[in-house]
């Protein structure tokens, strides 16, 4: 297990280095206006002085090396337009906690709704809950998320009397964005849990348990659901970490001052250093999620062996 963990950790680290390097190089191809707060008023001498200060006149490999050196010290640079001269790490530190809170709540709601729905679909295959869940999953995957997000906001605020804009101090305003953020994961968990449970129901050990007179409830809860949930474990860290980041569109829709809204804002302002830092953080989160999922799957599933069998190639 240790050897496997180290191997996965090293490959994840290498992937992260490649992604950061690619993002860094691509953003260096963007117009230099993104590094100035008043580019229109700057003359050529001021522009060159600023570029020299930021090291943007150095060759790309030198710039990348300097960036990694600063990164090792926790320095993500300073904002060029969003909050001129302010450390990016400090700005993100103020925005991240809110996205984390909303992400955790959304993830909890997804598990509470998605797992029972998937289990009910598998248990009543072809019946009401299976048809209902299938329609819901098809709807979530077929309709653009922006469409039903807007409908939830419009009709949720009008029928339930919930304020349209988010207020961290008012718990009621958390309901619609958290619910909206959970819809995709609810469909995801229900779809895959149903599939895994149906697969388990067709296996020989289930037929044997039925032949021995084991009740259907015990078979579903103690065997089928338990075994079907194991392959889903690897996806939970990924979906959790992505959800913690918050939905970019939802945070903008409800004016939530989190990471998602921040990314939209800095892209609109063409604040290249801020865009670079936030995209890098999102990349890190995705890779960490995949890594944790693989390690968690290896720990929980006893069928996975980390020892190379004799004669294996």
Foldseek 3Di string as FASTA:
>chain_A
DVVVLVVLVVVLVVVLLVVLLVLQVVLLPDDPVLQAQCVVPDDPVRSVVSCVVLVSVPDSVVNSVVCVVCVVVVFLDAWHHPDHPHGLSVLQVVFLVVLQVLLVLLLVVLCVQQLVLLLVCLVPPPDDSVVVLVVLLCCVVPDPLVVVLVVLLVCVCVVVVQDSADDPVDPSSSPSQSPSLNSNSSSVSSVQLNVQLNVVCPDPVVVVCVVVPNDPVCCSPVPSSVVSCLLVQLQSQQSSLVSSQPDLVSCCRRVPSHNSVVLVVSVVVSNSSSVSVSVSVSSSSNSVSNSVSVVSSVVPDPVDDPDDDPPDD
